[in-house]
Amino acid sequence: MRVYIEQTTQKSIMKFVCDEILTSGSYELDANSDLSKSPMARHLLQFPFVTKIFITANFVAIQKTDVVEWEDIAQELKELINEHLENNTIIQEEKKKEPYTLYAEMTPNPNVMKFVANQFITGVIVEVKSKEEAKKVPIALALFNNFPFIKEVFLQDNYLSVMAENGVNWQMEALEIRQFLLEYLQSGETIVEDDFVQPKSDIEQQLENKVYTSVEKEIQKILDEYIKPAVANDGGNIALIEFDEQTKTARMLLQGACSGCPSSTMTLKNGIEAMLKEMLPNVVENVEAING
């Protein structure tokens, strides 16, 4: 299955996130719209409870009426969208090849530089911690081969974070890496192989099969809505590992630029912990981090 369900803050809208970019633009469709470009939208709007469809970036959002509950229809809609994704019928538009632009951006981690593109690079989270792990990630392998001081590469959405050895002189290296990446992206070479499987740490394997409690779901919802965008802006990713109700401690997995960042502890305490205490009073008291 190449589609997963993501809740939104609006009860009537559910997101269905795909593993590839669907469009560089955005579409808002209802029964009165021109549906010629989207066989999927035509199909979905045959359901009487579907009122509106949004298609943008790598997801489809569906708005429904109150006559049905999401728990009764979400799985069926997910399978339908997945079928259209496999058949390339979610949105059918003439795609023009847009030239890449790329800029370098410092992160709170002095060993990590973030390179941001004007287009999506990948629809999945990719973390490569060695040359051996980069066999299915050609862009990361090329970086390891050309810049021996690079230790890790992290890709998500429209950016790529590079972790270097301690003491790297980014004033000298960032421009060279930026030019290298720009030429690589413009060449159209493969960025991530289709059969790439992200190596899972023991913690990530536990998370795959974890059944979240109601409190953990609330914490994860706050992370997704308020914290993840800011963390991604710094070139990293964060996920809830578990919540210990006895100690009122939420343990977080940090990836990308956040992993090993000297300021991550301060961010956790002054930012994330404070927000969780405010939004879930008397529930969360402490936040701990584990590097991915």
C-alpha atoms as a PDB file:
ATOM      1  CA  MET A   1       0.000   0.000   0.000  1.00  0.00           C
ATOM      2  CA  ARG A   2       1.472   3.337  -1.100  1.00  0.00           C
ATOM      3  CA  VAL A   3      -1.029   5.559   0.710  1.00  0.00           C
ATOM      4  CA  TYR A   4      -1.402   6.277   4.418  1.00  0.00           C
ATOM      5  CA  ILE A   5      -4.078   8.146   6.352  1.00  0.00           C
ATOM      6  CA  GLU A   6      -3.324  11.321   8.285  1.00  0.00           C
ATOM      7  CA  GLN A   7      -5.852  13.108  10.463  1.00  0.00           C
ATOM      8  CA  THR A   8      -6.322  16.867  10.241  1.00  0.00           C
ATOM      9  CA  THR A   9      -7.558  19.430  12.747  1.00  0.00           C
ATOM     10  CA  GLN A  10     -10.869  19.644  10.886  1.00  0.00           C
ATOM     11  CA  LYS A  11     -13.225  16.801  11.716  1.00  0.00           C
ATOM     12  CA  SER A  12     -14.771  16.802   8.238  1.00  0.00           C
ATOM     13  CA  ILE A  13     -11.437  16.516   6.369  1.00  0.00           C
ATOM     14  CA  MET A  14      -9.037  13.583   6.146  1.00  0.00           C
ATOM     15  CA  LYS A  15      -5.664  13.502   4.348  1.00  0.00           C
ATOM     16  CA  PHE A  16      -4.473  10.549   2.290  1.00  0.00           C
ATOM     17  CA  VAL A  17      -0.713  10.901   1.844  1.00  0.00           C
ATOM     18  CA  CYS A  18       0.985   9.222  -1.132  1.00  0.00           C
ATOM     19  CA  ASP A  19       4.603   8.119  -1.554  1.00  0.00           C
ATOM     20  CA  GLU A  20       5.181  10.363  -4.565  1.00  0.00           C
ATOM     21  CA  ILE A  21       4.476  13.907  -5.659  1.00  0.00           C
ATOM     22  CA  LEU A  22       1.111  14.165  -7.422  1.00  0.00           C
ATOM     23  CA  THR A  23       1.285  17.727  -8.720  1.00  0.00           C
ATOM     24  CA  SER A  24       3.358  20.874  -8.385  1.00  0.00           C
ATOM     25  CA  GLY A  25       0.143  22.899  -8.241  1.00  0.00           C
ATOM     26  CA  SER A  26      -3.104  22.459  -6.317  1.00  0.00           C
ATOM     27  CA  TYR A  27      -6.699  21.519  -7.148  1.00  0.00           C
ATOM     28  CA  GLU A  28      -9.936  22.043  -5.239  1.00  0.00           C
ATOM     29  CA  LEU A  29     -12.719  19.990  -6.833  1.00  0.00           C
ATOM     30  CA  ASP A  30     -16.412  19.383  -6.216  1.00  0.00           C
ATOM     31  CA  ALA A  31     -19.352  18.087  -8.254  1.00  0.00           C
ATOM     32  CA  ASN A  32     -19.514  21.345 -10.237  1.00  0.00           C
ATOM     33  CA  SER A  33     -15.833  21.350 -11.218  1.00  0.00           C
ATOM     34  CA  ASP A  34     -14.232  20.276 -14.480  1.00  0.00           C
ATOM     35  CA  LEU A  35     -13.171  16.746 -13.528  1.00  0.00           C
ATOM     36  CA  SER A  36     -11.567  15.826 -16.854  1.00  0.00           C
ATOM     37  CA  LYS A  37      -8.052  15.854 -15.369  1.00  0.00           C
ATOM     38  CA  SER A  38      -8.869  13.634 -12.391  1.00  0.00           C
ATOM     39  CA  PRO A  39     -10.536  10.236 -12.888  1.00  0.00           C
ATOM     40  CA  MET A  40     -10.015   9.700  -9.165  1.00  0.00           C
ATOM     41  CA  ALA A  41     -12.058  12.795  -8.294  1.00  0.00           C
ATOM     42  CA  ARG A  42     -14.862  11.659 -10.611  1.00  0.00           C
ATOM     43  CA  HIS A  43     -14.831   8.310  -8.850  1.00  0.00           C
ATOM     44  CA  LEU A  44     -14.799   9.755  -5.324  1.00  0.00           C
ATOM     45  CA  LEU A  45     -17.531  12.313  -5.973  1.00  0.00           C
ATOM     46  CA  GLN A  46     -19.908   9.492  -6.841  1.00  0.00           C
ATOM     47  CA  PHE A  47     -20.066   8.830  -3.107  1.00  0.00           C
ATOM     48  CA  PRO A  48     -22.912  10.990  -1.740  1.00  0.00           C
ATOM     49  CA  PHE A  49     -20.997  11.809   1.446  1.00  0.00           C
ATOM     50  CA  VAL A  50     -17.968  13.296  -0.399  1.00  0.00           C
ATOM     51  CA  THR A  51     -18.405  17.062  -0.827  1.00  0.00           C
ATOM     52  CA  LYS A  52     -14.974  18.308  -1.862  1.00  0.00           C
ATOM     53  CA  ILE A  53     -11.539  16.999  -2.884  1.00  0.00           C
ATOM     54  CA  PHE A  54      -8.180  18.760  -2.552  1.00  0.00           C
ATOM     55  CA  ILE A  55      -5.126  17.550  -4.471  1.00  0.00           C
ATOM     56  CA  THR A  56      -1.722  19.122  -3.891  1.00  0.00           C
ATOM     57  CA  ALA A  57       1.917  18.105  -3.361  1.00  0.00           C
ATOM     58  CA  ASN A  58       1.891  14.447  -2.269  1.00  0.00           C
ATOM     59  CA  PHE A  59      -1.579  14.116  -0.760  1.00  0.00           C
ATOM     60  CA  VAL A  60      -5.309  14.008  -1.411  1.00  0.00           C
ATOM     61  CA  ALA A  61      -7.637  15.553   1.172  1.00  0.00           C
ATOM     62  CA  ILE A  62     -11.312  14.620   1.247  1.00  0.00           C
ATOM     63  CA  GLN A  63     -14.115  16.608   2.842  1.00  0.00           C
ATOM     64  CA  LYS A  64     -17.252  14.714   3.828  1.00  0.00           C
ATOM     65  CA  THR A  65     -20.700  15.284   5.280  1.00  0.00           C
ATOM     66  CA  ASP A  66     -21.709  14.218   8.800  1.00  0.00           C
ATOM     67  CA  VAL A  67     -23.859  11.300   7.643  1.00  0.00           C
ATOM     68  CA  VAL A  68     -20.946   8.846   7.967  1.00  0.00           C
ATOM     69  CA  GLU A  69     -17.953   8.465  10.295  1.00  0.00           C
ATOM     70  CA  TRP A  70     -14.367   8.285   9.072  1.00  0.00           C
ATOM     71  CA  GLU A  71     -13.811   4.977  10.826  1.00  0.00           C
ATOM     72  CA  ASP A  72     -16.450   3.435   8.545  1.00  0.00           C
ATOM     73  CA  ILE A  73     -15.130   4.750   5.220  1.00  0.00           C
ATOM     74  CA  ALA A  74     -11.457   5.753   5.545  1.00  0.00           C
ATOM     75  CA  GLN A  75      -9.986   2.342   4.710  1.00  0.00           C
ATOM     76  CA  GLU A  76     -12.149   1.963   1.600  1.00  0.00           C
ATOM     77  CA  LEU A  77     -11.198   5.456   0.412  1.00  0.00           C
ATOM     78  CA  LYS A  78      -7.525   4.731   1.068  1.00  0.00           C
ATOM     79  CA  GLU A  79      -7.669   1.590  -1.092  1.00  0.00           C
ATOM     80  CA  LEU A  80      -9.469   3.471  -3.857  1.00  0.00           C
ATOM     81  CA  ILE A  81      -6.883   6.274  -3.857  1.00  0.00           C
ATOM     82  CA  ASN A  82      -4.080   3.699  -3.818  1.00  0.00           C
ATOM     83  CA  GLU A  83      -5.604   2.052  -6.886  1.00  0.00           C
ATOM     84  CA  HIS A  84      -5.692   5.367  -8.737  1.00  0.00           C
ATOM     85  CA  LEU A  85      -2.115   6.079  -7.640  1.00  0.00           C
ATOM     86  CA  GLU A  86      -0.980   2.761  -9.116  1.00  0.00           C
ATOM     87  CA  ASN A  87      -2.831   3.565 -12.365  1.00  0.00           C
ATOM     88  CA  ASN A  88      -1.561   7.183 -12.523  1.00  0.00           C
ATOM     89  CA  THR A  89      -5.142   8.475 -12.571  1.00  0.00           C
ATOM     90  CA  ILE A  90      -5.200  10.715  -9.491  1.00  0.00           C
ATOM     91  CA  ILE A  91      -4.396  13.762 -11.575  1.00  0.00           C
ATOM     92  CA  GLN A  92      -3.556  13.790 -15.270  1.00  0.00           C
ATOM     93  CA  GLU A  93      -1.751  16.943 -16.261  1.00  0.00           C
ATOM     94  CA  GLU A  94       0.931  17.857 -18.699  1.00  0.00           C
ATOM     95  CA  LYS A  95       4.036  18.022 -16.547  1.00  0.00           C
ATOM     96  CA  LYS A  96       6.640  20.562 -17.568  1.00  0.00           C
ATOM     97  CA  LYS A  97      10.178  20.054 -16.382  1.00  0.00           C
ATOM     98  CA  GLU A  98      10.919  22.993 -14.127  1.00  0.00           C
ATOM     99  CA  PRO A  99      14.580  23.879 -13.566  1.00  0.00           C
ATOM    100  CA  TYR A 100      15.845  23.330 -10.057  1.00  0.00           C
ATOM    101  CA  THR A 101      16.986  26.094  -7.773  1.00  0.00           C
ATOM    102  CA  LEU A 102      18.811  25.274  -4.579  1.00  0.00           C
ATOM    103  CA  TYR A 103      20.007  27.256  -1.588  1.00  0.00           C
ATOM    104  CA  ALA A 104      22.109  26.336   1.446  1.00  0.00           C
ATOM    105  CA  GLU A 105      20.818  27.023   4.937  1.00  0.00           C
ATOM    106  CA  MET A 106      22.521  26.665   8.319  1.00  0.00           C
ATOM    107  CA  THR A 107      20.821  24.531  10.976  1.00  0.00           C
ATOM    108  CA  PRO A 108      21.061  24.647  14.789  1.00  0.00           C
ATOM    109  CA  ASN A 109      23.485  21.718  14.482  1.00  0.00           C
ATOM    110  CA  PRO A 110      26.883  23.202  13.482  1.00  0.00           C
ATOM    111  CA  ASN A 111      27.839  19.958  11.728  1.00  0.00           C
ATOM    112  CA  VAL A 112      24.745  19.928   9.501  1.00  0.00           C
ATOM    113  CA  MET A 113      23.964  22.027   6.438  1.00  0.00           C
ATOM    114  CA  LYS A 114      20.520  21.990   4.834  1.00  0.00           C
ATOM    115  CA  PHE A 115      20.049  22.311   1.058  1.00  0.00           C
ATOM    116  CA  VAL A 116      16.533  23.375   0.034  1.00  0.00           C
ATOM    117  CA  ALA A 117      15.140  22.925  -3.495  1.00  0.00           C
ATOM    118  CA  ASN A 118      12.207  24.632  -5.207  1.00  0.00           C
ATOM    119  CA  GLN A 119      10.726  21.201  -5.971  1.00  0.00           C
ATOM    120  CA  PHE A 120      10.073  18.002  -4.068  1.00  0.00           C
ATOM    121  CA  ILE A 121      13.093  15.710  -3.993  1.00  0.00           C
ATOM    122  CA  THR A 122      11.443  12.668  -2.441  1.00  0.00           C
ATOM    123  CA  GLY A 123       8.058  11.710  -1.055  1.00  0.00           C
ATOM    124  CA  VAL A 124       9.553   9.532   1.693  1.00  0.00           C
ATOM    125  CA  ILE A 125      11.877  10.122   4.637  1.00  0.00           C
ATOM    126  CA  VAL A 126      15.376   8.823   3.843  1.00  0.00           C
ATOM    127  CA  GLU A 127      18.190   8.683   6.404  1.00  0.00           C
ATOM    128  CA  VAL A 128      21.547   7.280   5.250  1.00  0.00           C
ATOM    129  CA  LYS A 129      24.216   6.908   7.918  1.00  0.00           C
ATOM    130  CA  SER A 130      26.997   5.273   5.898  1.00  0.00           C
ATOM    131  CA  LYS A 131      28.216   4.622   2.369  1.00  0.00           C
ATOM    132  CA  GLU A 132      27.081   1.003   2.723  1.00  0.00           C
ATOM    133  CA  GLU A 133      23.498   2.134   3.379  1.00  0.00           C
ATOM    134  CA  ALA A 134      23.553   4.398   0.302  1.00  0.00           C
ATOM    135  CA  LYS A 135      23.436   1.676  -2.380  1.00  0.00           C
ATOM    136  CA  LYS A 136      19.769   2.373  -3.122  1.00  0.00           C
ATOM    137  CA  VAL A 137      20.095   6.141  -2.659  1.00  0.00           C
ATOM    138  CA  PRO A 138      22.282   7.257  -5.599  1.00  0.00           C
ATOM    139  CA  ILE A 139      22.307  10.936  -4.618  1.00  0.00           C
ATOM    140  CA  ALA A 140      23.651  10.053  -1.150  1.00  0.00           C
ATOM    141  CA  LEU A 141      26.202   7.636  -2.607  1.00  0.00           C
ATOM    142  CA  ALA A 142      27.428  10.373  -4.956  1.00  0.00           C
ATOM    143  CA  LEU A 143      27.859  12.728  -1.991  1.00  0.00           C
ATOM    144  CA  PHE A 144      29.833  10.151   0.006  1.00  0.00           C
ATOM    145  CA  ASN A 145      32.071   9.454  -2.997  1.00  0.00           C
ATOM    146  CA  ASN A 146      32.783  13.102  -3.779  1.00  0.00           C
ATOM    147  CA  PHE A 147      32.973  14.558  -0.276  1.00  0.00           C
ATOM    148  CA  PRO A 148      34.779  12.156   2.114  1.00  0.00           C
ATOM    149  CA  PHE A 149      34.060  14.354   5.155  1.00  0.00           C
ATOM    150  CA  ILE A 150      30.298  13.698   4.880  1.00  0.00           C
ATOM    151  CA  LYS A 151      29.027  11.302   7.580  1.00  0.00           C
ATOM    152  CA  GLU A 152      25.233  11.203   7.071  1.00  0.00           C
ATOM    153  CA  VAL A 153      22.622  12.296   4.533  1.00  0.00           C
ATOM    154  CA  PHE A 154      18.949  12.962   5.304  1.00  0.00           C
ATOM    155  CA  LEU A 155      16.260  13.593   2.650  1.00  0.00           C
ATOM    156  CA  GLN A 156      12.657  14.641   3.109  1.00  0.00           C
ATOM    157  CA  ASP A 157      10.187  16.535   0.929  1.00  0.00           C
ATOM    158  CA  ASN A 158      12.112  19.331  -0.842  1.00  0.00           C
ATOM    159  CA  TYR A 159      15.316  19.383   1.181  1.00  0.00           C
ATOM    160  CA  LEU A 160      18.462  17.413   1.881  1.00  0.00           C
ATOM    161  CA  SER A 161      20.539  17.686   5.078  1.00  0.00           C
ATOM    162  CA  VAL A 162      24.223  16.791   5.103  1.00  0.00           C
ATOM    163  CA  MET A 163      26.069  15.954   8.330  1.00  0.00           C
ATOM    164  CA  ALA A 164      29.834  16.426   8.222  1.00  0.00           C
ATOM    165  CA  GLU A 165      32.725  15.601  10.504  1.00  0.00           C
ATOM    166  CA  ASN A 166      33.383  17.929  13.424  1.00  0.00           C
ATOM    167  CA  GLY A 167      35.047  21.188  12.491  1.00  0.00           C
ATOM    168  CA  VAL A 168      34.004  21.315   8.837  1.00  0.00           C
ATOM    169  CA  ASN A 169      34.455  24.735   7.233  1.00  0.00           C
ATOM    170  CA  TRP A 170      31.017  25.285   5.696  1.00  0.00           C
ATOM    171  CA  GLN A 171      32.085  28.602   4.142  1.00  0.00           C
ATOM    172  CA  MET A 172      34.364  26.609   1.857  1.00  0.00           C
ATOM    173  CA  GLU A 173      32.362  23.416   1.430  1.00  0.00           C
ATOM    174  CA  ALA A 174      28.696  24.525   1.234  1.00  0.00           C
ATOM    175  CA  LEU A 175      28.995  26.253  -2.140  1.00  0.00           C
ATOM    176  CA  GLU A 176      30.754  23.268  -3.677  1.00  0.00           C
ATOM    177  CA  ILE A 177      28.177  20.803  -2.328  1.00  0.00           C
ATOM    178  CA  ARG A 178      25.335  23.073  -3.467  1.00  0.00           C
ATOM    179  CA  GLN A 179      26.711  23.200  -7.019  1.00  0.00           C
ATOM    180  CA  PHE A 180      27.249  19.440  -7.034  1.00  0.00           C
ATOM    181  CA  LEU A 181      23.664  18.784  -5.870  1.00  0.00           C
ATOM    182  CA  LEU A 182      22.213  21.265  -8.330  1.00  0.00           C
ATOM    183  CA  GLU A 183      23.969  19.585 -11.259  1.00  0.00           C
ATOM    184  CA  TYR A 184      22.883  16.174  -9.988  1.00  0.00           C
ATOM    185  CA  LEU A 185      19.225  17.193  -9.718  1.00  0.00           C
ATOM    186  CA  GLN A 186      19.230  18.931 -13.106  1.00  0.00           C
ATOM    187  CA  SER A 187      20.697  15.821 -14.748  1.00  0.00           C
ATOM    188  CA  GLY A 188      17.553  13.838 -13.971  1.00  0.00           C
ATOM    189  CA  GLU A 189      19.531  10.982 -12.434  1.00  0.00           C
ATOM    190  CA  THR A 190      17.823   8.738  -9.901  1.00  0.00           C
ATOM    191  CA  ILE A 191      17.578  10.231  -6.426  1.00  0.00           C
ATOM    192  CA  VAL A 192      16.153   7.254  -4.512  1.00  0.00           C
ATOM    193  CA  GLU A 193      15.654   3.797  -6.033  1.00  0.00           C
ATOM    194  CA  ASP A 194      12.030   2.576  -6.129  1.00  0.00           C
ATOM    195  CA  ASP A 195      12.927  -0.529  -4.113  1.00  0.00           C
ATOM    196  CA  PHE A 196      14.783   1.407  -1.411  1.00  0.00           C
ATOM    197  CA  VAL A 197      13.848   0.252   2.085  1.00  0.00           C
ATOM    198  CA  GLN A 198      14.875   2.499   4.959  1.00  0.00           C
ATOM    199  CA  PRO A 199      17.045   0.531   7.414  1.00  0.00           C
ATOM    200  CA  LYS A 200      15.242   0.458  10.727  1.00  0.00           C
ATOM    201  CA  SER A 201      16.885   0.910  14.084  1.00  0.00           C
ATOM    202  CA  ASP A 202      15.607  -1.206  16.985  1.00  0.00           C
ATOM    203  CA  ILE A 203      13.546   1.779  18.133  1.00  0.00           C
ATOM    204  CA  GLU A 204      12.000   2.332  14.688  1.00  0.00           C
ATOM    205  CA  GLN A 205      11.119  -1.367  14.430  1.00  0.00           C
ATOM    206  CA  GLN A 206       9.306  -1.094  17.749  1.00  0.00           C
ATOM    207  CA  LEU A 207       7.411   1.959  16.489  1.00  0.00           C
ATOM    208  CA  GLU A 208       6.189   0.111  13.375  1.00  0.00           C
ATOM    209  CA  ASN A 209       4.195  -2.373  15.458  1.00  0.00           C
ATOM    210  CA  LYS A 210       3.342  -0.070  18.337  1.00  0.00           C
ATOM    211  CA  VAL A 211      -0.273   0.365  19.378  1.00  0.00           C
ATOM    212  CA  TYR A 212      -0.565   3.913  20.687  1.00  0.00           C
ATOM    213  CA  THR A 213      -2.590   4.772  23.767  1.00  0.00           C
ATOM    214  CA  SER A 214      -5.092   7.630  23.666  1.00  0.00           C
ATOM    215  CA  VAL A 215      -2.587   9.936  25.395  1.00  0.00           C
ATOM    216  CA  GLU A 216       0.163   8.983  22.941  1.00  0.00           C
ATOM    217  CA  LYS A 217      -2.179   9.739  20.043  1.00  0.00           C
ATOM    218  CA  GLU A 218      -2.804  13.198  21.500  1.00  0.00           C
ATOM    219  CA  ILE A 219       0.928  13.815  21.863  1.00  0.00           C
ATOM    220  CA  GLN A 220       1.625  12.627  18.317  1.00  0.00           C
ATOM    221  CA  LYS A 221      -1.142  14.869  16.993  1.00  0.00           C
ATOM    222  CA  ILE A 222       0.475  17.909  18.659  1.00  0.00           C
ATOM    223  CA  LEU A 223       3.864  16.896  17.238  1.00  0.00           C
ATOM    224  CA  ASP A 224       2.445  16.574  13.713  1.00  0.00           C
ATOM    225  CA  GLU A 225       0.575  19.862  13.788  1.00  0.00           C
ATOM    226  CA  TYR A 226       2.799  22.230  15.767  1.00  0.00           C
ATOM    227  CA  ILE A 227       6.295  20.796  16.091  1.00  0.00           C
ATOM    228  CA  LYS A 228       7.206  18.710  13.036  1.00  0.00           C
ATOM    229  CA  PRO A 229       7.027  21.658  10.588  1.00  0.00           C
ATOM    230  CA  ALA A 230       9.510  23.634  12.704  1.00  0.00           C
ATOM    231  CA  VAL A 231      11.790  20.620  13.117  1.00  0.00           C
ATOM    232  CA  ALA A 232      11.676  19.973   9.351  1.00  0.00           C
ATOM    233  CA  ASN A 233      12.589  23.611   8.815  1.00  0.00           C
ATOM    234  CA  ASP A 234      15.791  22.901  10.758  1.00  0.00           C
ATOM    235  CA  GLY A 235      16.532  19.857   8.594  1.00  0.00           C
ATOM    236  CA  GLY A 236      15.333  17.124  10.940  1.00  0.00           C
ATOM    237  CA  ASN A 237      12.458  14.904  11.986  1.00  0.00           C
ATOM    238  CA  ILE A 238      10.855  13.953  15.301  1.00  0.00           C
ATOM    239  CA  ALA A 239       8.522  11.125  16.330  1.00  0.00           C
ATOM    240  CA  LEU A 240       7.053   9.887  19.590  1.00  0.00           C
ATOM    241  CA  ILE A 241       8.583   6.649  20.875  1.00  0.00           C
ATOM    242  CA  GLU A 242       6.448   6.202  23.981  1.00  0.00           C
ATOM    243  CA  PHE A 243       4.786   7.940  26.900  1.00  0.00           C
ATOM    244  CA  ASP A 244       5.441   6.718  30.439  1.00  0.00           C
ATOM    245  CA  GLU A 245       2.308   7.517  32.434  1.00  0.00           C
ATOM    246  CA  GLN A 246       3.986   6.856  35.797  1.00  0.00           C
ATOM    247  CA  THR A 247       6.769   9.396  35.280  1.00  0.00           C
ATOM    248  CA  LYS A 248       4.696  11.526  32.862  1.00  0.00           C
ATOM    249  CA  THR A 249       7.621  11.391  30.415  1.00  0.00           C
ATOM    250  CA  ALA A 250       7.346  11.520  26.612  1.00  0.00           C
ATOM    251  CA  ARG A 251      10.332   9.975  24.824  1.00  0.00           C
ATOM    252  CA  MET A 252      11.109  11.267  21.328  1.00  0.00           C
ATOM    253  CA  LEU A 253      13.099   9.943  18.374  1.00  0.00           C
ATOM    254  CA  LEU A 254      15.274  12.616  16.719  1.00  0.00           C
ATOM    255  CA  GLN A 255      16.531  12.231  13.148  1.00  0.00           C
ATOM    256  CA  GLY A 256      18.439  14.254  10.574  1.00  0.00           C
ATOM    257  CA  ALA A 257      19.952  17.527  11.774  1.00  0.00           C
ATOM    258  CA  CYS A 258      18.278  17.060  15.178  1.00  0.00           C
ATOM    259  CA  SER A 259      20.256  13.888  15.869  1.00  0.00           C
ATOM    260  CA  GLY A 260      23.268  14.812  17.962  1.00  0.00           C
ATOM    261  CA  CYS A 261      22.516  18.526  17.782  1.00  0.00           C
ATOM    262  CA  PRO A 262      23.968  20.418  20.781  1.00  0.00           C
ATOM    263  CA  SER A 263      20.883  22.634  20.987  1.00  0.00           C
ATOM    264  CA  SER A 264      18.357  19.798  20.771  1.00  0.00           C
ATOM    265  CA  THR A 265      18.155  19.445  24.574  1.00  0.00           C
ATOM    266  CA  MET A 266      17.351  23.140  24.926  1.00  0.00           C
ATOM    267  CA  THR A 267      14.771  22.885  22.141  1.00  0.00           C
ATOM    268  CA  LEU A 268      13.122  19.934  23.839  1.00  0.00           C
ATOM    269  CA  LYS A 269      12.974  21.596  27.242  1.00  0.00           C
ATOM    270  CA  ASN A 270      12.175  25.175  26.249  1.00  0.00           C
ATOM    271  CA  GLY A 271       9.998  24.416  23.255  1.00  0.00           C
ATOM    272  CA  ILE A 272       8.472  20.958  22.968  1.00  0.00           C
ATOM    273  CA  GLU A 273       8.201  20.168  26.672  1.00  0.00           C
ATOM    274  CA  ALA A 274       6.720  23.585  27.407  1.00  0.00           C
ATOM    275  CA  MET A 275       4.141  23.215  24.625  1.00  0.00           C
ATOM    276  CA  LEU A 276       3.080  19.732  25.715  1.00  0.00           C
ATOM    277  CA  LYS A 277       2.759  20.902  29.330  1.00  0.00           C
ATOM    278  CA  GLU A 278       0.556  23.773  28.179  1.00  0.00           C
ATOM    279  CA  MET A 279      -1.626  21.760  25.801  1.00  0.00           C
ATOM    280  CA  LEU A 280      -1.810  18.628  27.988  1.00  0.00           C
ATOM    281  CA  PRO A 281      -1.722  20.036  31.551  1.00  0.00           C
ATOM    282  CA  ASN A 282      -1.061  17.539  34.328  1.00  0.00           C
ATOM    283  CA  VAL A 283      -0.432  14.850  31.712  1.00  0.00           C
ATOM    284  CA  VAL A 284       3.070  15.489  30.309  1.00  0.00           C
ATOM    285  CA  GLU A 285       5.765  16.744  32.669  1.00  0.00           C
ATOM    286  CA  ASN A 286       9.004  15.697  30.972  1.00  0.00           C
ATOM    287  CA  VAL A 287      10.400  15.110  27.482  1.00  0.00           C
ATOM    288  CA  GLU A 288      13.438  12.967  26.683  1.00  0.00           C
ATOM    289  CA  ALA A 289      15.198  12.486  23.328  1.00  0.00           C
ATOM    290  CA  ILE A 290      16.853   9.486  21.734  1.00  0.00           C
ATOM    291  CA  ASN A 291      18.926  10.056  18.597  1.00  0.00           C
ATOM    292  CA  GLY A 292      17.880   8.074  15.564  1.00  0.00           C
END
